[in-house]
Amino acid sequence: MKPYPCGHYSNPHKACRCTPQQIRQYRGKISGPLLDRIDLHIDVPAVRYREMTGRIPSESSVAVRERIHRARRIQERRFEGQDTLCNARMSPRQLKTFCPIGEDSQKLLEMAMDRLGLSARACTRILKVARTIADLEGEENILAPHVSEAIQYRSLDRGTV
């Protein structure tokens, strides 16, 4: 979805012409409980043709695919013998078992909940995403940078208006 009526808020090449009131009304059409059920809210900026066809070095699709396969194998081993197939489907009990976080991560999450007004469901989603980020990095423990990155994927929860 476009997070703003005109679709140009984060576009560096076109000016947003929406008022804060228009943005609030537009976003108000999406219920909080619905947004809570979506794991990732990210801004995808417009790409210019030159940027899209340029020779900017980036990670190859093969490397990305292999990293994803490694993370999926980690999750398969984690949930072996259980009905759960992936982090996104963890039960509350599994979340407590497989997503312990340190004090620094707890403080980050508490601050995000307080400042952004996140719900308990959003907090649960953040932990599951942080677990997946750690898996993608081959990290056994969820670290503060994983939690911080997962919080950043909740852009529609942030008060940007």
C-alpha atoms as a PDB file:
ATOM      1  CA  MET A   1       0.000   0.000   0.000  1.00  0.00           C
ATOM      2  CA  LYS A   2       1.029   3.575  -0.372  1.00  0.00           C
ATOM      3  CA  PRO A   3       1.506   4.987   3.134  1.00  0.00           C
ATOM      4  CA  TYR A   4       0.424   8.455   1.927  1.00  0.00           C
ATOM      5  CA  PRO A   5      -2.408   9.524  -0.399  1.00  0.00           C
ATOM      6  CA  CYS A   6      -0.131  11.035  -3.076  1.00  0.00           C
ATOM      7  CA  GLY A   7       2.497   8.283  -2.847  1.00  0.00           C
ATOM      8  CA  HIS A   8       5.431  10.711  -2.883  1.00  0.00           C
ATOM      9  CA  TYR A   9       6.267  11.259   0.796  1.00  0.00           C
ATOM     10  CA  SER A  10       9.650   9.511   0.746  1.00  0.00           C
ATOM     11  CA  ASN A  11      10.325  10.087  -2.959  1.00  0.00           C
ATOM     12  CA  PRO A  12      13.434  12.278  -3.374  1.00  0.00           C
ATOM     13  CA  HIS A  13      12.342  13.215  -6.921  1.00  0.00           C
ATOM     14  CA  LYS A  14       8.741  14.324  -6.306  1.00  0.00           C
ATOM     15  CA  ALA A  15       7.337  16.474  -3.527  1.00  0.00           C
ATOM     16  CA  CYS A  16       4.624  15.173  -1.233  1.00  0.00           C
ATOM     17  CA  ARG A  17       1.580  17.420  -1.351  1.00  0.00           C
ATOM     18  CA  CYS A  18      -0.371  15.785   1.479  1.00  0.00           C
ATOM     19  CA  THR A  19      -1.281  17.618   4.634  1.00  0.00           C
ATOM     20  CA  PRO A  20      -0.779  15.895   7.998  1.00  0.00           C
ATOM     21  CA  GLN A  21      -4.587  15.716   8.314  1.00  0.00           C
ATOM     22  CA  GLN A  22      -4.902  13.944   4.926  1.00  0.00           C
ATOM     23  CA  ILE A  23      -2.217  11.451   5.909  1.00  0.00           C
ATOM     24  CA  ARG A  24      -3.905  10.709   9.256  1.00  0.00           C
ATOM     25  CA  GLN A  25      -7.276  10.197   7.530  1.00  0.00           C
ATOM     26  CA  TYR A  26      -5.708   8.006   4.846  1.00  0.00           C
ATOM     27  CA  ARG A  27      -3.866   5.839   7.368  1.00  0.00           C
ATOM     28  CA  GLY A  28      -6.960   5.736   9.569  1.00  0.00           C
ATOM     29  CA  LYS A  29      -8.613   3.560   6.916  1.00  0.00           C
ATOM     30  CA  ILE A  30      -6.273   0.717   7.907  1.00  0.00           C
ATOM     31  CA  SER A  31      -7.134  -0.646  11.333  1.00  0.00           C
ATOM     32  CA  GLY A  32      -4.465  -1.075  13.984  1.00  0.00           C
ATOM     33  CA  PRO A  33      -5.371  -4.736  14.550  1.00  0.00           C
ATOM     34  CA  LEU A  34      -4.862  -5.410  10.832  1.00  0.00           C
ATOM     35  CA  LEU A  35      -1.458  -3.677  10.835  1.00  0.00           C
ATOM     36  CA  ASP A  36      -0.507  -5.686  13.921  1.00  0.00           C
ATOM     37  CA  ARG A  37      -0.880  -8.868  11.885  1.00  0.00           C
ATOM     38  CA  ILE A  38       1.597  -7.760   9.226  1.00  0.00           C
ATOM     39  CA  ASP A  39       5.199  -8.595  10.126  1.00  0.00           C
ATOM     40  CA  LEU A  40       7.059  -6.133   7.910  1.00  0.00           C
ATOM     41  CA  HIS A  41       6.119  -2.554   7.121  1.00  0.00           C
ATOM     42  CA  ILE A  42       8.834  -1.068   4.942  1.00  0.00           C
ATOM     43  CA  ASP A  43       9.180   1.924   2.675  1.00  0.00           C
ATOM     44  CA  VAL A  44      10.282   1.016  -0.819  1.00  0.00           C
ATOM     45  CA  PRO A  45      11.534   4.183  -2.474  1.00  0.00           C
ATOM     46  CA  ALA A  46      10.996   4.898  -6.147  1.00  0.00           C
ATOM     47  CA  VAL A  47      13.914   3.828  -8.321  1.00  0.00           C
ATOM     48  CA  ARG A  48      15.026   5.785 -11.350  1.00  0.00           C
ATOM     49  CA  TYR A  49      15.758   3.942 -14.559  1.00  0.00           C
ATOM     50  CA  ARG A  50      19.462   4.799 -14.446  1.00  0.00           C
ATOM     51  CA  GLU A  51      19.760   3.391 -10.912  1.00  0.00           C
ATOM     52  CA  MET A  52      17.864   0.262 -11.882  1.00  0.00           C
ATOM     53  CA  THR A  53      20.032  -0.517 -14.896  1.00  0.00           C
ATOM     54  CA  GLY A  54      23.360   0.633 -13.465  1.00  0.00           C
ATOM     55  CA  ARG A  55      26.227  -1.557 -12.397  1.00  0.00           C
ATOM     56  CA  ILE A  56      25.958  -0.956  -8.672  1.00  0.00           C
ATOM     57  CA  PRO A  57      27.611  -3.878  -6.861  1.00  0.00           C
ATOM     58  CA  SER A  58      25.163  -5.850  -4.781  1.00  0.00           C
ATOM     59  CA  GLU A  59      24.717  -9.281  -3.288  1.00  0.00           C
ATOM     60  CA  SER A  60      23.935 -11.862  -5.974  1.00  0.00           C
ATOM     61  CA  SER A  61      20.615 -13.693  -6.051  1.00  0.00           C
ATOM     62  CA  VAL A  62      22.515 -16.967  -5.626  1.00  0.00           C
ATOM     63  CA  ALA A  63      24.132 -15.696  -2.409  1.00  0.00           C
ATOM     64  CA  VAL A  64      20.786 -14.438  -1.080  1.00  0.00           C
ATOM     65  CA  ARG A  65      19.096 -17.749  -1.938  1.00  0.00           C
ATOM     66  CA  GLU A  66      21.830 -19.710  -0.118  1.00  0.00           C
ATOM     67  CA  ARG A  67      21.548 -17.488   2.967  1.00  0.00           C
ATOM     68  CA  ILE A  68      17.784 -18.060   3.011  1.00  0.00           C
ATOM     69  CA  HIS A  69      18.232 -21.824   2.619  1.00  0.00           C
ATOM     70  CA  ARG A  70      20.682 -21.849   5.553  1.00  0.00           C
ATOM     71  CA  ALA A  71      18.184 -19.913   7.705  1.00  0.00           C
ATOM     72  CA  ARG A  72      15.373 -22.288   6.734  1.00  0.00           C
ATOM     73  CA  ARG A  73      17.540 -25.302   7.686  1.00  0.00           C
ATOM     74  CA  ILE A  74      18.208 -23.674  11.070  1.00  0.00           C
ATOM     75  CA  GLN A  75      14.452 -23.296  11.559  1.00  0.00           C
ATOM     76  CA  GLU A  76      13.777 -26.879  10.430  1.00  0.00           C
ATOM     77  CA  ARG A  77      16.221 -28.141  13.073  1.00  0.00           C
ATOM     78  CA  ARG A  78      14.767 -25.786  15.702  1.00  0.00           C
ATOM     79  CA  PHE A  79      11.220 -27.053  15.159  1.00  0.00           C
ATOM     80  CA  GLU A  80      12.062 -30.697  14.440  1.00  0.00           C
ATOM     81  CA  GLY A  81       9.305 -32.964  15.734  1.00  0.00           C
ATOM     82  CA  GLN A  82       6.883 -30.052  16.136  1.00  0.00           C
ATOM     83  CA  ASP A  83       4.042 -28.808  13.938  1.00  0.00           C
ATOM     84  CA  THR A  84       5.765 -25.453  13.469  1.00  0.00           C
ATOM     85  CA  LEU A  85       7.671 -24.924  10.225  1.00  0.00           C
ATOM     86  CA  CYS A  86       9.065 -21.416  10.596  1.00  0.00           C
ATOM     87  CA  ASN A  87       9.622 -18.560  13.036  1.00  0.00           C
ATOM     88  CA  ALA A  88       6.517 -16.672  11.917  1.00  0.00           C
ATOM     89  CA  ARG A  89       4.334 -19.543  13.142  1.00  0.00           C
ATOM     90  CA  MET A  90       5.799 -19.847  16.638  1.00  0.00           C
ATOM     91  CA  SER A  91       3.371 -20.271  19.508  1.00  0.00           C
ATOM     92  CA  PRO A  92       3.685 -18.103  22.633  1.00  0.00           C
ATOM     93  CA  ARG A  93       5.410 -21.001  24.421  1.00  0.00           C
ATOM     94  CA  GLN A  94       7.889 -21.445  21.539  1.00  0.00           C
ATOM     95  CA  LEU A  95       8.502 -17.716  21.508  1.00  0.00           C
ATOM     96  CA  LYS A  96       9.626 -17.867  25.137  1.00  0.00           C
ATOM     97  CA  THR A  97      11.825 -20.878  24.425  1.00  0.00           C
ATOM     98  CA  PHE A  98      13.412 -19.794  21.132  1.00  0.00           C
ATOM     99  CA  CYS A  99      13.453 -16.001  21.416  1.00  0.00           C
ATOM    100  CA  PRO A 100      15.140 -15.091  24.689  1.00  0.00           C
ATOM    101  CA  ILE A 101      16.678 -11.637  24.550  1.00  0.00           C
ATOM    102  CA  GLY A 102      19.242  -9.894  26.703  1.00  0.00           C
ATOM    103  CA  GLU A 103      18.701  -6.884  28.892  1.00  0.00           C
ATOM    104  CA  ASP A 104      19.861  -4.438  26.206  1.00  0.00           C
ATOM    105  CA  SER A 105      17.340  -5.893  23.735  1.00  0.00           C
ATOM    106  CA  GLN A 106      14.613  -5.795  26.376  1.00  0.00           C
ATOM    107  CA  LYS A 107      15.298  -2.091  26.926  1.00  0.00           C
ATOM    108  CA  LEU A 108      15.102  -1.444  23.175  1.00  0.00           C
ATOM    109  CA  LEU A 109      11.796  -3.266  22.918  1.00  0.00           C
ATOM    110  CA  GLU A 110      10.376  -1.507  25.970  1.00  0.00           C
ATOM    111  CA  MET A 111      11.399   1.878  24.574  1.00  0.00           C
ATOM    112  CA  ALA A 112       9.841   1.049  21.189  1.00  0.00           C
ATOM    113  CA  MET A 113       6.605  -0.071  22.818  1.00  0.00           C
ATOM    114  CA  ASP A 114       6.418   3.071  24.950  1.00  0.00           C
ATOM    115  CA  ARG A 115       7.393   5.583  22.263  1.00  0.00           C
ATOM    116  CA  LEU A 116       5.558   4.010  19.341  1.00  0.00           C
ATOM    117  CA  GLY A 117       2.585   2.740  21.304  1.00  0.00           C
ATOM    118  CA  LEU A 118       3.140  -0.785  20.010  1.00  0.00           C
ATOM    119  CA  SER A 119       0.704  -3.505  20.959  1.00  0.00           C
ATOM    120  CA  ALA A 120       1.626  -6.829  22.509  1.00  0.00           C
ATOM    121  CA  ARG A 121       0.966  -8.434  19.112  1.00  0.00           C
ATOM    122  CA  ALA A 122       3.412  -6.025  17.414  1.00  0.00           C
ATOM    123  CA  CYS A 123       5.986  -6.849  20.088  1.00  0.00           C
ATOM    124  CA  THR A 124       5.547 -10.562  19.364  1.00  0.00           C
ATOM    125  CA  ARG A 125       5.981  -9.913  15.632  1.00  0.00           C
ATOM    126  CA  ILE A 126       9.161  -7.958  16.315  1.00  0.00           C
ATOM    127  CA  LEU A 127      10.627 -10.864  18.286  1.00  0.00           C
ATOM    128  CA  LYS A 128       9.802 -13.343  15.519  1.00  0.00           C
ATOM    129  CA  VAL A 129      11.369 -11.095  12.889  1.00  0.00           C
ATOM    130  CA  ALA A 130      14.434 -10.547  15.104  1.00  0.00           C
ATOM    131  CA  ARG A 131      14.763 -14.362  15.443  1.00  0.00           C
ATOM    132  CA  THR A 132      14.695 -14.629  11.635  1.00  0.00           C
ATOM    133  CA  ILE A 133      17.273 -11.861  11.220  1.00  0.00           C
ATOM    134  CA  ALA A 134      19.557 -13.698  13.647  1.00  0.00           C
ATOM    135  CA  ASP A 135      19.003 -16.926  11.681  1.00  0.00           C
ATOM    136  CA  LEU A 136      19.884 -15.178   8.412  1.00  0.00           C
ATOM    137  CA  GLU A 137      23.138 -14.051  10.018  1.00  0.00           C
ATOM    138  CA  GLY A 138      23.800 -17.547  11.383  1.00  0.00           C
ATOM    139  CA  GLU A 139      23.655 -16.152  14.907  1.00  0.00           C
ATOM    140  CA  GLU A 140      22.411 -18.485  17.642  1.00  0.00           C
ATOM    141  CA  ASN A 141      21.246 -15.660  19.932  1.00  0.00           C
ATOM    142  CA  ILE A 142      19.011 -12.711  19.201  1.00  0.00           C
ATOM    143  CA  LEU A 143      21.157  -9.622  19.725  1.00  0.00           C
ATOM    144  CA  ALA A 144      20.218  -5.954  20.170  1.00  0.00           C
ATOM    145  CA  PRO A 145      21.012  -5.115  16.494  1.00  0.00           C
ATOM    146  CA  HIS A 146      18.551  -7.825  15.413  1.00  0.00           C
ATOM    147  CA  VAL A 147      15.820  -6.362  17.625  1.00  0.00           C
ATOM    148  CA  SER A 148      16.644  -2.841  16.456  1.00  0.00           C
ATOM    149  CA  GLU A 149      16.403  -3.889  12.792  1.00  0.00           C
ATOM    150  CA  ALA A 150      13.109  -5.683  13.415  1.00  0.00           C
ATOM    151  CA  ILE A 151      11.695  -2.546  15.063  1.00  0.00           C
ATOM    152  CA  GLN A 152      12.678  -0.554  11.977  1.00  0.00           C
ATOM    153  CA  TYR A 153      10.466  -2.840   9.877  1.00  0.00           C
ATOM    154  CA  ARG A 154       7.416  -1.463  11.707  1.00  0.00           C
ATOM    155  CA  SER A 155       7.329   1.835   9.791  1.00  0.00           C
ATOM    156  CA  LEU A 156       3.548   2.155   9.816  1.00  0.00           C
ATOM    157  CA  ASP A 157       3.554   1.961  13.605  1.00  0.00           C
ATOM    158  CA  ARG A 158       5.836   4.984  13.809  1.00  0.00           C
ATOM    159  CA  GLY A 159       4.203   8.379  14.146  1.00  0.00           C
ATOM    160  CA  THR A 160       5.573  10.033  11.005  1.00  0.00           C
ATOM    161  CA  VAL A 161       2.799  12.564  10.686  1.00  0.00           C
END
